[in-house]
Amino acid sequence: MANEITKINTITLANIAKFNEQNDSDMEKFNGAEFTGTIAWLGSRAVIGGGEGTSGNVNVIQYKTLGASADTQDFGDLTSIRKEFKGTGSNITRGMWIAGITSSAQVTDTDYVTVGSTGNATDFGDSSNAAYSGGQEGGSNGTLAFGVGGFASGAGNQQDAMEYFTIASTGNGTDAGDLTVARNGMTASDGNSRALNIGGYDGGASNVDTIDYHTFSTSADAVDHGDASNQTRNGATAEDTSRVVYALGVGLNGNRVDDIDYYNPDSPGDATDFGDTSQAREALTGASNGTLGEFYGGTIQSGHSNVTVNTCDKITIQTTGDAADTGDLVTAGSTSGVAEDAGALSGT
């Protein structure tokens, strides 16, 4: 029944703030028809693209229904074999992956899929610079998708540049200001008005706890937001419109951690403890349906070895607590599989 009502007495619902003193966000139904609060950058299906398995980088795309206790299924392939994107984005129907690194070179490749179907990705355009390990978890408000920061060997290494793409229109990236700190290995979030860029590595002695944000409505430079609970990189985000939940990945001195923080994207401030992931791991990726968040894959430490995992964790975004198992990445660790440094997004 969703979206059955578009007007009342010729006034569109979007222009009605209250009806009988009730905010439209508080009204579930009117005369049996539902009011919906669609979020323009997420949906019920998670799509996880690219990454690295035990036999190298892959172009595999997988999908699952967010919140379902089920394994992923094959969706199709990216246009190139790569991992560690500069950004991902969704306008619900279309999802895209920005730049990244192949087995031998950083690339500008940017591609997209129709989230509600299955099939191979299509070329979207090119990133403005060949870089990887940027804000690969997000940077979208449903209209624009941002690629931020990253690492570009031979071009200054850690990058501070931000760029944006209009998700509905194929084409190349457009310059959009700079981060507060040039870095790679950060994690970006999606949002209505702001994107957070959390942690990363600035080329110094250790990771950073920097969090900065940029607004989608301007091409201005990023602004300081606060600090993460640890010096962190290679984590993952899952969010709704008022909370960004961040699984930290690698903490101080390169140790993998199971910590989860959360932040209010519209109110600058430091991290608040949320809970723990099921494993201390890095290079995971995350997606959300607006109520539930999930974290996929990554690597754990086993003795002196890094081991890729097919773990899928689930959280409830507005309820603090530890993550719970919700299935597996079905091809993790295989020649065609994905386990670490993938890029997740959601849509319908």
C-alpha atoms as a PDB file:
ATOM      1  CA  MET A   1       0.000   0.000   0.000  1.00  0.00           C
ATOM      2  CA  ALA A   2       3.026   2.275   0.204  1.00  0.00           C
ATOM      3  CA  ASN A   3       2.759   5.650  -1.517  1.00  0.00           C
ATOM      4  CA  GLU A   4      -0.917   5.210  -2.426  1.00  0.00           C
ATOM      5  CA  ILE A   5      -1.697   8.793  -1.350  1.00  0.00           C
ATOM      6  CA  THR A   6       0.149  11.549  -3.190  1.00  0.00           C
ATOM      7  CA  LYS A   7      -2.170  14.513  -2.510  1.00  0.00           C
ATOM      8  CA  ILE A   8      -4.848  15.663  -0.049  1.00  0.00           C
ATOM      9  CA  ASN A   9      -7.077  18.433  -1.445  1.00  0.00           C
ATOM     10  CA  THR A  10      -4.467  19.015  -4.201  1.00  0.00           C
ATOM     11  CA  ILE A  11      -1.660  19.541  -1.630  1.00  0.00           C
ATOM     12  CA  THR A  12       1.198  17.113  -1.980  1.00  0.00           C
ATOM     13  CA  LEU A  13       2.174  15.118   1.104  1.00  0.00           C
ATOM     14  CA  ALA A  14       5.713  16.460   0.841  1.00  0.00           C
ATOM     15  CA  ASN A  15       4.370  19.945   1.594  1.00  0.00           C
ATOM     16  CA  ILE A  16       2.217  18.935   4.574  1.00  0.00           C
ATOM     17  CA  ALA A  17       4.064  19.365   7.854  1.00  0.00           C
ATOM     18  CA  LYS A  18       1.179  18.285  10.104  1.00  0.00           C
ATOM     19  CA  PHE A  19      -2.286  16.793   9.796  1.00  0.00           C
ATOM     20  CA  ASN A  20      -4.568  17.186  12.850  1.00  0.00           C
ATOM     21  CA  GLU A  21      -1.473  18.303  14.791  1.00  0.00           C
ATOM     22  CA  GLN A  22       0.398  15.074  13.970  1.00  0.00           C
ATOM     23  CA  ASN A  23       3.729  15.129  12.129  1.00  0.00           C
ATOM     24  CA  ASP A  24       3.630  12.981   9.008  1.00  0.00           C
ATOM     25  CA  SER A  25       6.548  10.969  10.424  1.00  0.00           C
ATOM     26  CA  ASP A  26       4.302   9.967  13.358  1.00  0.00           C
ATOM     27  CA  MET A  27       1.367   8.830  11.208  1.00  0.00           C
ATOM     28  CA  GLU A  28       1.543   5.257   9.989  1.00  0.00           C
ATOM     29  CA  LYS A  29      -1.658   5.327   7.954  1.00  0.00           C
ATOM     30  CA  PHE A  30      -4.369   7.700   6.717  1.00  0.00           C
ATOM     31  CA  ASN A  31      -7.668   6.035   5.725  1.00  0.00           C
ATOM     32  CA  GLY A  32      -5.848   2.732   5.395  1.00  0.00           C
ATOM     33  CA  ALA A  33      -3.007   3.973   3.190  1.00  0.00           C
ATOM     34  CA  GLU A  34       0.563   4.075   4.462  1.00  0.00           C
ATOM     35  CA  PHE A  35       2.851   7.074   4.804  1.00  0.00           C
ATOM     36  CA  THR A  36       6.422   6.095   4.066  1.00  0.00           C
ATOM     37  CA  GLY A  37       9.652   7.773   5.043  1.00  0.00           C
ATOM     38  CA  THR A  38      11.847   6.505   2.228  1.00  0.00           C
ATOM     39  CA  ILE A  39      15.565   7.125   2.719  1.00  0.00           C
ATOM     40  CA  ALA A  40      17.077   7.974  -0.636  1.00  0.00           C
ATOM     41  CA  TRP A  41      20.384   6.112  -0.204  1.00  0.00           C
ATOM     42  CA  LEU A  42      19.455   2.688   1.140  1.00  0.00           C
ATOM     43  CA  GLY A  43      17.098  -0.244   0.729  1.00  0.00           C
ATOM     44  CA  SER A  44      16.360  -3.829   1.688  1.00  0.00           C
ATOM     45  CA  ARG A  45      19.048  -5.499  -0.459  1.00  0.00           C
ATOM     46  CA  ALA A  46      22.767  -5.364   0.302  1.00  0.00           C
ATOM     47  CA  VAL A  47      25.094  -5.596  -2.695  1.00  0.00           C
ATOM     48  CA  ILE A  48      28.767  -6.343  -2.028  1.00  0.00           C
ATOM     49  CA  GLY A  49      31.223  -5.755  -4.864  1.00  0.00           C
ATOM     50  CA  GLY A  50      34.839  -6.651  -5.519  1.00  0.00           C
ATOM     51  CA  GLY A  51      37.456  -7.315  -2.858  1.00  0.00           C
ATOM     52  CA  GLU A  52      40.135  -9.907  -2.322  1.00  0.00           C
ATOM     53  CA  GLY A  53      39.958 -13.644  -1.699  1.00  0.00           C
ATOM     54  CA  THR A  54      42.796 -15.975  -0.869  1.00  0.00           C
ATOM     55  CA  SER A  55      43.741 -16.200  -4.552  1.00  0.00           C
ATOM     56  CA  GLY A  56      43.818 -12.476  -5.277  1.00  0.00           C
ATOM     57  CA  ASN A  57      41.514  -9.610  -6.197  1.00  0.00           C
ATOM     58  CA  VAL A  58      38.105 -10.390  -7.669  1.00  0.00           C
ATOM     59  CA  ASN A  59      35.281  -8.782  -9.638  1.00  0.00           C
ATOM     60  CA  VAL A  60      32.517 -10.811  -7.983  1.00  0.00           C
ATOM     61  CA  ILE A  61      29.325  -9.040  -6.855  1.00  0.00           C
ATOM     62  CA  GLN A  62      27.177 -10.731  -4.189  1.00  0.00           C
ATOM     63  CA  TYR A  63      23.840  -9.807  -2.623  1.00  0.00           C
ATOM     64  CA  LYS A  64      21.549 -10.682   0.255  1.00  0.00           C
ATOM     65  CA  THR A  65      18.432  -9.379   1.958  1.00  0.00           C
ATOM     66  CA  LEU A  66      19.467  -7.243   4.901  1.00  0.00           C
ATOM     67  CA  GLY A  67      18.424  -8.782   8.201  1.00  0.00           C
ATOM     68  CA  ALA A  68      17.767 -12.232   6.765  1.00  0.00           C
ATOM     69  CA  SER A  69      19.736 -15.071   8.348  1.00  0.00           C
ATOM     70  CA  ALA A  70      20.955 -16.265   4.984  1.00  0.00           C
ATOM     71  CA  ASP A  71      24.111 -16.509   2.918  1.00  0.00           C
ATOM     72  CA  THR A  72      24.880 -14.210   0.017  1.00  0.00           C
ATOM     73  CA  GLN A  73      24.072 -15.111  -3.578  1.00  0.00           C
ATOM     74  CA  ASP A  74      25.859 -14.344  -6.823  1.00  0.00           C
ATOM     75  CA  PHE A  75      24.782 -11.082  -8.475  1.00  0.00           C
ATOM     76  CA  GLY A  76      27.229 -10.692 -11.363  1.00  0.00           C
ATOM     77  CA  ASP A  77      30.644  -9.103 -11.953  1.00  0.00           C
ATOM     78  CA  LEU A  78      32.207  -5.652 -11.802  1.00  0.00           C
ATOM     79  CA  THR A  79      33.678  -4.282 -15.038  1.00  0.00           C
ATOM     80  CA  SER A  80      37.188  -4.830 -13.618  1.00  0.00           C
ATOM     81  CA  ILE A  81      38.851  -6.990 -10.978  1.00  0.00           C
ATOM     82  CA  ARG A  82      39.557  -4.665  -8.044  1.00  0.00           C
ATOM     83  CA  LYS A  83      39.264  -3.847  -4.340  1.00  0.00           C
ATOM     84  CA  GLU A  84      39.668  -0.922  -1.899  1.00  0.00           C
ATOM     85  CA  PHE A  85      37.356   1.594  -3.536  1.00  0.00           C
ATOM     86  CA  LYS A  86      37.369   5.370  -3.053  1.00  0.00           C
ATOM     87  CA  GLY A  87      33.624   5.332  -2.460  1.00  0.00           C
ATOM     88  CA  THR A  88      30.313   3.592  -3.069  1.00  0.00           C
ATOM     89  CA  GLY A  89      26.835   5.032  -3.458  1.00  0.00           C
ATOM     90  CA  SER A  90      23.186   4.244  -4.079  1.00  0.00           C
ATOM     91  CA  ASN A  91      20.017   6.087  -5.048  1.00  0.00           C
ATOM     92  CA  ILE A  92      18.015   2.962  -4.094  1.00  0.00           C
ATOM     93  CA  THR A  93      17.686   1.698  -7.674  1.00  0.00           C
ATOM     94  CA  ARG A  94      21.285   2.222  -8.851  1.00  0.00           C
ATOM     95  CA  GLY A  95      24.460   1.345  -6.945  1.00  0.00           C
ATOM     96  CA  MET A  96      28.010   2.323  -7.912  1.00  0.00           C
ATOM     97  CA  TRP A  97      31.674   1.707  -7.010  1.00  0.00           C
ATOM     98  CA  ILE A  98      34.362   4.365  -7.468  1.00  0.00           C
ATOM     99  CA  ALA A  99      38.000   3.651  -8.500  1.00  0.00           C
ATOM    100  CA  GLY A 100      40.111   1.076  -6.575  1.00  0.00           C
ATOM    101  CA  ILE A 101      43.119  -1.125  -7.239  1.00  0.00           C
ATOM    102  CA  THR A 102      43.558  -4.165  -9.479  1.00  0.00           C
ATOM    103  CA  SER A 103      46.207  -6.806  -8.867  1.00  0.00           C
ATOM    104  CA  SER A 104      48.831  -4.493 -10.322  1.00  0.00           C
ATOM    105  CA  ALA A 105      47.636  -0.881 -10.593  1.00  0.00           C
ATOM    106  CA  GLN A 106      45.397   1.799  -9.094  1.00  0.00           C
ATOM    107  CA  VAL A 107      42.588   2.649 -11.536  1.00  0.00           C
ATOM    108  CA  THR A 108      39.929   5.263 -12.238  1.00  0.00           C
ATOM    109  CA  ASP A 109      37.289   2.648 -13.176  1.00  0.00           C
ATOM    110  CA  THR A 110      33.793   3.480 -11.931  1.00  0.00           C
ATOM    111  CA  ASP A 111      30.812   1.223 -12.600  1.00  0.00           C
ATOM    112  CA  TYR A 112      27.194   0.658 -11.594  1.00  0.00           C
ATOM    113  CA  VAL A 113      24.416  -1.917 -11.326  1.00  0.00           C
ATOM    114  CA  THR A 114      20.646  -1.875 -11.006  1.00  0.00           C
ATOM    115  CA  VAL A 115      20.273  -3.037  -7.410  1.00  0.00           C
ATOM    116  CA  GLY A 116      16.881  -4.717  -7.738  1.00  0.00           C
ATOM    117  CA  SER A 117      17.997  -7.039 -10.537  1.00  0.00           C
ATOM    118  CA  THR A 118      21.083  -9.190 -11.088  1.00  0.00           C
ATOM    119  CA  GLY A 119      23.737  -9.000 -13.780  1.00  0.00           C
ATOM    120  CA  ASN A 120      27.116  -7.565 -14.590  1.00  0.00           C
ATOM    121  CA  ALA A 121      28.072  -3.968 -13.866  1.00  0.00           C
ATOM    122  CA  THR A 122      28.137  -1.267 -16.570  1.00  0.00           C
ATOM    123  CA  ASP A 123      30.757   1.430 -17.057  1.00  0.00           C
ATOM    124  CA  PHE A 124      29.738   4.693 -15.342  1.00  0.00           C
ATOM    125  CA  GLY A 125      32.713   6.951 -16.075  1.00  0.00           C
ATOM    126  CA  ASP A 126      36.069   7.678 -14.489  1.00  0.00           C
ATOM    127  CA  SER A 127      37.322   8.967 -11.190  1.00  0.00           C
ATOM    128  CA  SER A 128      39.296  12.220 -11.428  1.00  0.00           C
ATOM    129  CA  ASN A 129      42.416  10.500 -10.096  1.00  0.00           C
ATOM    130  CA  ALA A 130      43.588   6.913  -9.894  1.00  0.00           C
ATOM    131  CA  ALA A 131      43.598   6.096  -6.193  1.00  0.00           C
ATOM    132  CA  TYR A 132      42.416   3.371  -3.846  1.00  0.00           C
ATOM    133  CA  SER A 133      41.662   2.718  -0.171  1.00  0.00           C
ATOM    134  CA  GLY A 134      39.537   5.832   0.216  1.00  0.00           C
ATOM    135  CA  GLY A 135      36.092   6.135   1.773  1.00  0.00           C
ATOM    136  CA  GLN A 136      34.961   2.820   0.338  1.00  0.00           C
ATOM    137  CA  GLU A 137      31.971   2.304   2.648  1.00  0.00           C
ATOM    138  CA  GLY A 138      29.876   5.180   1.384  1.00  0.00           C
ATOM    139  CA  GLY A 139      29.621   8.870   0.771  1.00  0.00           C
ATOM    140  CA  SER A 140      26.126   9.059  -0.744  1.00  0.00           C
ATOM    141  CA  ASN A 141      22.909  10.970  -0.066  1.00  0.00           C
ATOM    142  CA  GLY A 142      20.932   9.270  -2.821  1.00  0.00           C
ATOM    143  CA  THR A 143      21.648  12.005  -5.349  1.00  0.00           C
ATOM    144  CA  LEU A 144      25.431  12.272  -5.187  1.00  0.00           C
ATOM    145  CA  ALA A 145      28.107   9.683  -4.483  1.00  0.00           C
ATOM    146  CA  PHE A 146      31.461  10.915  -3.178  1.00  0.00           C
ATOM    147  CA  GLY A 147      34.893   9.378  -3.648  1.00  0.00           C
ATOM    148  CA  VAL A 148      37.302  10.702  -1.018  1.00  0.00           C
ATOM    149  CA  GLY A 149      40.994  10.486  -0.148  1.00  0.00           C
ATOM    150  CA  GLY A 150      42.862   7.248  -0.699  1.00  0.00           C
ATOM    151  CA  PHE A 151      46.362   6.271  -1.725  1.00  0.00           C
ATOM    152  CA  ALA A 152      47.967   7.084  -5.079  1.00  0.00           C
ATOM    153  CA  SER A 153      51.460   5.705  -5.512  1.00  0.00           C
ATOM    154  CA  GLY A 154      53.692   8.203  -7.297  1.00  0.00           C
ATOM    155  CA  ALA A 155      51.162  11.019  -6.820  1.00  0.00           C
ATOM    156  CA  GLY A 156      51.852  12.148  -3.279  1.00  0.00           C
ATOM    157  CA  ASN A 157      50.722   8.849  -1.740  1.00  0.00           C
ATOM    158  CA  GLN A 158      47.977   9.808   0.791  1.00  0.00           C
ATOM    159  CA  GLN A 159      45.309  11.933  -0.911  1.00  0.00           C
ATOM    160  CA  ASP A 160      43.037  14.700   0.411  1.00  0.00           C
ATOM    161  CA  ALA A 161      40.926  15.244  -2.715  1.00  0.00           C
ATOM    162  CA  MET A 162      37.175  14.698  -2.758  1.00  0.00           C
ATOM    163  CA  GLU A 163      35.014  14.282  -5.850  1.00  0.00           C
ATOM    164  CA  TYR A 164      31.365  13.598  -6.560  1.00  0.00           C
ATOM    165  CA  PHE A 165      29.242  11.812  -9.143  1.00  0.00           C
ATOM    166  CA  THR A 166      25.546  12.311  -9.874  1.00  0.00           C
ATOM    167  CA  ILE A 167      24.258   8.762  -9.418  1.00  0.00           C
ATOM    168  CA  ALA A 168      21.409   9.024 -11.927  1.00  0.00           C
ATOM    169  CA  SER A 169      23.656  10.350 -14.732  1.00  0.00           C
ATOM    170  CA  THR A 170      26.720   8.530 -16.013  1.00  0.00           C
ATOM    171  CA  GLY A 171      29.880  10.586 -16.321  1.00  0.00           C
ATOM    172  CA  ASN A 172      33.202  11.437 -14.708  1.00  0.00           C
ATOM    173  CA  GLY A 173      33.885  12.725 -11.207  1.00  0.00           C
ATOM    174  CA  THR A 174      33.800  16.442 -10.323  1.00  0.00           C
ATOM    175  CA  ASP A 175      36.106  18.090  -7.782  1.00  0.00           C
ATOM    176  CA  ALA A 176      34.477  18.706  -4.395  1.00  0.00           C
ATOM    177  CA  GLY A 177      37.049  20.181  -2.013  1.00  0.00           C
ATOM    178  CA  ASP A 178      39.535  18.499   0.318  1.00  0.00           C
ATOM    179  CA  LEU A 179      39.639  16.423   3.496  1.00  0.00           C
ATOM    180  CA  THR A 180      41.045  18.011   6.661  1.00  0.00           C
ATOM    181  CA  VAL A 181      43.860  15.423   6.598  1.00  0.00           C
ATOM    182  CA  ALA A 182      45.229  13.570   3.547  1.00  0.00           C
ATOM    183  CA  ARG A 183      44.833   9.877   4.322  1.00  0.00           C
ATOM    184  CA  ASN A 184      43.889   6.419   3.136  1.00  0.00           C
ATOM    185  CA  GLY A 185      42.137   3.547   4.878  1.00  0.00           C
ATOM    186  CA  MET A 186      39.325   5.760   6.173  1.00  0.00           C
ATOM    187  CA  THR A 187      35.669   4.759   6.251  1.00  0.00           C
ATOM    188  CA  ALA A 188      32.921   7.010   4.872  1.00  0.00           C
ATOM    189  CA  SER A 189      29.236   7.071   5.758  1.00  0.00           C
ATOM    190  CA  ASP A 190      26.045   7.790   3.841  1.00  0.00           C
ATOM    191  CA  GLY A 191      23.535  10.374   5.055  1.00  0.00           C
ATOM    192  CA  ASN A 192      20.867  12.916   4.249  1.00  0.00           C
ATOM    193  CA  SER A 193      22.973  16.056   4.560  1.00  0.00           C
ATOM    194  CA  ARG A 194      26.475  15.028   5.711  1.00  0.00           C
ATOM    195  CA  ALA A 195      28.980  12.236   5.210  1.00  0.00           C
ATOM    196  CA  LEU A 196      31.501  11.356   7.922  1.00  0.00           C
ATOM    197  CA  ASN A 197      35.047  10.240   7.048  1.00  0.00           C
ATOM    198  CA  ILE A 198      36.380   8.214   9.961  1.00  0.00           C
ATOM    199  CA  GLY A 199      39.964   7.306  10.843  1.00  0.00           C
ATOM    200  CA  GLY A 200      42.609   6.312   8.316  1.00  0.00           C
ATOM    201  CA  TYR A 201      46.364   6.473   7.913  1.00  0.00           C
ATOM    202  CA  ASP A 202      48.155   9.745   7.109  1.00  0.00           C
ATOM    203  CA  GLY A 203      51.570   8.284   6.315  1.00  0.00           C
ATOM    204  CA  GLY A 204      52.948   8.829   9.823  1.00  0.00           C
ATOM    205  CA  ALA A 205      53.849   6.487  12.650  1.00  0.00           C
ATOM    206  CA  SER A 206      50.319   5.208  13.294  1.00  0.00           C
ATOM    207  CA  ASN A 207      46.667   5.452  12.300  1.00  0.00           C
ATOM    208  CA  VAL A 208      44.622   8.564  13.122  1.00  0.00           C
ATOM    209  CA  ASP A 209      41.438   9.063  15.151  1.00  0.00           C
ATOM    210  CA  THR A 210      40.328  11.936  12.897  1.00  0.00           C
ATOM    211  CA  ILE A 211      36.681  12.283  11.947  1.00  0.00           C
ATOM    212  CA  ASP A 212      35.729  14.992   9.489  1.00  0.00           C
ATOM    213  CA  TYR A 213      32.548  15.630   7.544  1.00  0.00           C
ATOM    214  CA  HIS A 214      31.441  17.262   4.343  1.00  0.00           C
ATOM    215  CA  THR A 215      27.999  18.430   3.337  1.00  0.00           C
ATOM    216  CA  PHE A 216      26.395  17.128   0.166  1.00  0.00           C
ATOM    217  CA  SER A 217      24.964  20.533  -0.772  1.00  0.00           C
ATOM    218  CA  THR A 218      28.336  22.228  -1.333  1.00  0.00           C
ATOM    219  CA  SER A 219      31.765  21.554  -2.799  1.00  0.00           C
ATOM    220  CA  ALA A 220      33.490  23.000   0.258  1.00  0.00           C
ATOM    221  CA  ASP A 221      36.347  21.384   2.169  1.00  0.00           C
ATOM    222  CA  ALA A 222      35.644  18.903   4.951  1.00  0.00           C
ATOM    223  CA  VAL A 223      35.280  20.156   8.556  1.00  0.00           C
ATOM    224  CA  ASP A 224      36.342  18.538  11.838  1.00  0.00           C
ATOM    225  CA  HIS A 225      33.629  16.416  13.496  1.00  0.00           C
ATOM    226  CA  GLY A 226      35.396  14.848  16.490  1.00  0.00           C
ATOM    227  CA  ASP A 227      37.485  11.799  17.332  1.00  0.00           C
ATOM    228  CA  ALA A 228      37.041   8.049  17.062  1.00  0.00           C
ATOM    229  CA  SER A 229      37.587   5.961  20.207  1.00  0.00           C
ATOM    230  CA  ASN A 230      40.859   4.628  18.813  1.00  0.00           C
ATOM    231  CA  GLN A 231      43.400   5.400  16.128  1.00  0.00           C
ATOM    232  CA  THR A 232      41.749   3.338  13.448  1.00  0.00           C
ATOM    233  CA  ARG A 233      41.654   2.330   9.786  1.00  0.00           C
ATOM    234  CA  ASN A 234      39.995  -0.236   7.484  1.00  0.00           C
ATOM    235  CA  GLY A 235      36.690  -0.350   9.355  1.00  0.00           C
ATOM    236  CA  ALA A 236      33.062  -0.363   8.180  1.00  0.00           C
ATOM    237  CA  THR A 237      29.923   1.732   8.657  1.00  0.00           C
ATOM    238  CA  ALA A 238      26.182   1.077   8.801  1.00  0.00           C
ATOM    239  CA  GLU A 239      23.812   3.979   9.387  1.00  0.00           C
ATOM    240  CA  ASP A 240      20.354   5.485   9.475  1.00  0.00           C
ATOM    241  CA  THR A 241      19.461   9.166   9.207  1.00  0.00           C
ATOM    242  CA  SER A 242      20.476  10.026  12.791  1.00  0.00           C
ATOM    243  CA  ARG A 243      23.193   7.523  13.724  1.00  0.00           C
ATOM    244  CA  VAL A 244      26.387   6.250  12.092  1.00  0.00           C
ATOM    245  CA  VAL A 245      27.663   2.971  13.531  1.00  0.00           C
ATOM    246  CA  TYR A 246      31.342   2.234  12.905  1.00  0.00           C
ATOM    247  CA  ALA A 247      33.193  -1.076  13.317  1.00  0.00           C
ATOM    248  CA  LEU A 248      36.781   0.047  13.903  1.00  0.00           C
ATOM    249  CA  GLY A 249      38.842  -2.551  12.020  1.00  0.00           C
ATOM    250  CA  VAL A 250      42.494  -1.915  12.914  1.00  0.00           C
ATOM    251  CA  GLY A 251      43.298   0.052  16.057  1.00  0.00           C
ATOM    252  CA  LEU A 252      46.464   1.457  17.612  1.00  0.00           C
ATOM    253  CA  ASN A 253      49.756  -0.278  16.691  1.00  0.00           C
ATOM    254  CA  GLY A 254      48.082  -2.243  13.918  1.00  0.00           C
ATOM    255  CA  ASN A 255      46.098  -4.549  16.207  1.00  0.00           C
ATOM    256  CA  ARG A 256      42.696  -5.703  14.953  1.00  0.00           C
ATOM    257  CA  VAL A 257      39.857  -4.759  17.287  1.00  0.00           C
ATOM    258  CA  ASP A 258      36.237  -5.794  17.769  1.00  0.00           C
ATOM    259  CA  ASP A 259      35.094  -2.350  18.987  1.00  0.00           C
ATOM    260  CA  ILE A 260      32.037  -0.630  17.531  1.00  0.00           C
ATOM    261  CA  ASP A 261      31.463   3.144  17.945  1.00  0.00           C
ATOM    262  CA  TYR A 262      28.516   5.325  17.040  1.00  0.00           C
ATOM    263  CA  TYR A 263      28.074   9.015  16.180  1.00  0.00           C
ATOM    264  CA  ASN A 264      25.371  11.551  15.456  1.00  0.00           C
ATOM    265  CA  PRO A 265      26.264  12.745  11.942  1.00  0.00           C
ATOM    266  CA  ASP A 266      24.522  16.104  12.410  1.00  0.00           C
ATOM    267  CA  SER A 267      26.084  16.956  15.778  1.00  0.00           C
ATOM    268  CA  PRO A 268      29.898  17.123  15.932  1.00  0.00           C
ATOM    269  CA  GLY A 269      31.372  15.139  18.809  1.00  0.00           C
ATOM    270  CA  ASP A 270      33.488  12.166  19.770  1.00  0.00           C
ATOM    271  CA  ALA A 271      32.664   8.472  19.635  1.00  0.00           C
ATOM    272  CA  THR A 272      30.270   6.642  21.976  1.00  0.00           C
ATOM    273  CA  ASP A 273      30.654   2.906  22.626  1.00  0.00           C
ATOM    274  CA  PHE A 274      28.126   0.696  20.820  1.00  0.00           C
ATOM    275  CA  GLY A 275      29.318  -2.896  21.391  1.00  0.00           C
ATOM    276  CA  ASP A 276      31.549  -5.457  19.678  1.00  0.00           C
ATOM    277  CA  THR A 277      31.709  -7.316  16.391  1.00  0.00           C
ATOM    278  CA  SER A 278      31.756 -11.125  16.523  1.00  0.00           C
ATOM    279  CA  GLN A 279      35.461 -11.173  15.575  1.00  0.00           C
ATOM    280  CA  ALA A 280      38.320  -8.701  15.836  1.00  0.00           C
ATOM    281  CA  ARG A 281      38.915  -8.044  12.154  1.00  0.00           C
ATOM    282  CA  GLU A 282      39.833  -5.406   9.575  1.00  0.00           C
ATOM    283  CA  ALA A 283      39.020  -4.772   5.917  1.00  0.00           C
ATOM    284  CA  LEU A 284      35.330  -5.524   6.472  1.00  0.00           C
ATOM    285  CA  THR A 285      32.516  -3.645   4.732  1.00  0.00           C
ATOM    286  CA  GLY A 286      29.017  -2.608   5.783  1.00  0.00           C
ATOM    287  CA  ALA A 287      25.492  -1.785   4.609  1.00  0.00           C
ATOM    288  CA  SER A 288      22.135  -0.843   6.150  1.00  0.00           C
ATOM    289  CA  ASN A 289      18.395  -0.934   5.486  1.00  0.00           C
ATOM    290  CA  GLY A 290      17.748   1.975   7.864  1.00  0.00           C
ATOM    291  CA  THR A 291      16.939  -0.259  10.841  1.00  0.00           C
ATOM    292  CA  LEU A 292      19.510  -3.030  10.699  1.00  0.00           C
ATOM    293  CA  GLY A 293      23.166  -2.838   9.753  1.00  0.00           C
ATOM    294  CA  GLU A 294      25.409  -5.656   8.577  1.00  0.00           C
ATOM    295  CA  PHE A 295      29.195  -6.062   8.373  1.00  0.00           C
ATOM    296  CA  TYR A 296      30.750  -8.428   5.827  1.00  0.00           C
ATOM    297  CA  GLY A 297      34.040 -10.299   5.544  1.00  0.00           C
ATOM    298  CA  GLY A 298      37.457  -8.996   6.529  1.00  0.00           C
ATOM    299  CA  THR A 299      40.648 -10.524   7.869  1.00  0.00           C
ATOM    300  CA  ILE A 300      41.521 -11.857  11.315  1.00  0.00           C
ATOM    301  CA  GLN A 301      44.869 -12.602  12.922  1.00  0.00           C
ATOM    302  CA  SER A 302      45.608 -16.306  13.385  1.00  0.00           C
ATOM    303  CA  GLY A 303      49.057 -16.812  14.835  1.00  0.00           C
ATOM    304  CA  HIS A 304      51.416 -14.983  12.494  1.00  0.00           C
ATOM    305  CA  SER A 305      49.017 -15.183   9.548  1.00  0.00           C
ATOM    306  CA  ASN A 306      46.207 -13.043   8.165  1.00  0.00           C
ATOM    307  CA  VAL A 307      43.134 -15.156   7.477  1.00  0.00           C
ATOM    308  CA  THR A 308      40.241 -13.982   5.310  1.00  0.00           C
ATOM    309  CA  VAL A 309      36.776 -14.718   6.693  1.00  0.00           C
ATOM    310  CA  ASN A 310      33.257 -15.011   5.280  1.00  0.00           C
ATOM    311  CA  THR A 311      31.564 -13.637   8.416  1.00  0.00           C
ATOM    312  CA  CYS A 312      28.345 -11.612   8.191  1.00  0.00           C
ATOM    313  CA  ASP A 313      27.389  -9.747  11.397  1.00  0.00           C
ATOM    314  CA  LYS A 314      24.097  -7.991  12.165  1.00  0.00           C
ATOM    315  CA  ILE A 315      23.246  -5.056  14.468  1.00  0.00           C
ATOM    316  CA  THR A 316      20.180  -2.953  15.219  1.00  0.00           C
ATOM    317  CA  ILE A 317      21.341   0.606  14.572  1.00  0.00           C
ATOM    318  CA  GLN A 318      19.373   2.360  17.307  1.00  0.00           C
ATOM    319  CA  THR A 319      20.025  -0.338  19.944  1.00  0.00           C
ATOM    320  CA  THR A 320      23.522  -0.660  21.381  1.00  0.00           C
ATOM    321  CA  GLY A 321      24.924  -4.165  21.843  1.00  0.00           C
ATOM    322  CA  ASP A 322      27.128  -6.785  20.243  1.00  0.00           C
ATOM    323  CA  ALA A 323      26.769  -7.949  16.652  1.00  0.00           C
ATOM    324  CA  ALA A 324      25.163 -11.330  15.899  1.00  0.00           C
ATOM    325  CA  ASP A 325      25.797 -13.806  13.085  1.00  0.00           C
ATOM    326  CA  THR A 326      23.531 -13.487  10.054  1.00  0.00           C
ATOM    327  CA  GLY A 327      24.969 -15.811   7.397  1.00  0.00           C
ATOM    328  CA  ASP A 328      28.108 -16.083   5.295  1.00  0.00           C
ATOM    329  CA  LEU A 329      29.720 -14.700   2.186  1.00  0.00           C
ATOM    330  CA  VAL A 330      29.307 -17.864   0.157  1.00  0.00           C
ATOM    331  CA  THR A 331      32.359 -17.506  -2.081  1.00  0.00           C
ATOM    332  CA  ALA A 332      34.818 -16.121   0.473  1.00  0.00           C
ATOM    333  CA  GLY A 333      38.309 -17.535   0.191  1.00  0.00           C
ATOM    334  CA  SER A 334      37.828 -19.087  -3.234  1.00  0.00           C
ATOM    335  CA  THR A 335      39.352 -18.016  -6.539  1.00  0.00           C
ATOM    336  CA  SER A 336      36.106 -16.264  -7.460  1.00  0.00           C
ATOM    337  CA  GLY A 337      35.236 -15.156  -3.958  1.00  0.00           C
ATOM    338  CA  VAL A 338      35.360 -11.998  -1.894  1.00  0.00           C
ATOM    339  CA  ALA A 339      36.414 -11.750   1.725  1.00  0.00           C
ATOM    340  CA  GLU A 340      38.253  -8.490   2.415  1.00  0.00           C
ATOM    341  CA  ASP A 341      38.374  -4.898   1.140  1.00  0.00           C
ATOM    342  CA  ALA A 342      35.060  -5.180  -0.720  1.00  0.00           C
ATOM    343  CA  GLY A 343      32.566  -2.333  -1.066  1.00  0.00           C
ATOM    344  CA  ALA A 344      28.984  -2.718   0.144  1.00  0.00           C
ATOM    345  CA  LEU A 345      25.896  -0.608  -0.553  1.00  0.00           C
ATOM    346  CA  SER A 346      22.150  -1.134  -0.356  1.00  0.00           C
ATOM    347  CA  GLY A 347      19.038  -0.434  -2.386  1.00  0.00           C
ATOM    348  CA  THR A 348      15.903  -2.113  -3.657  1.00  0.00           C
END
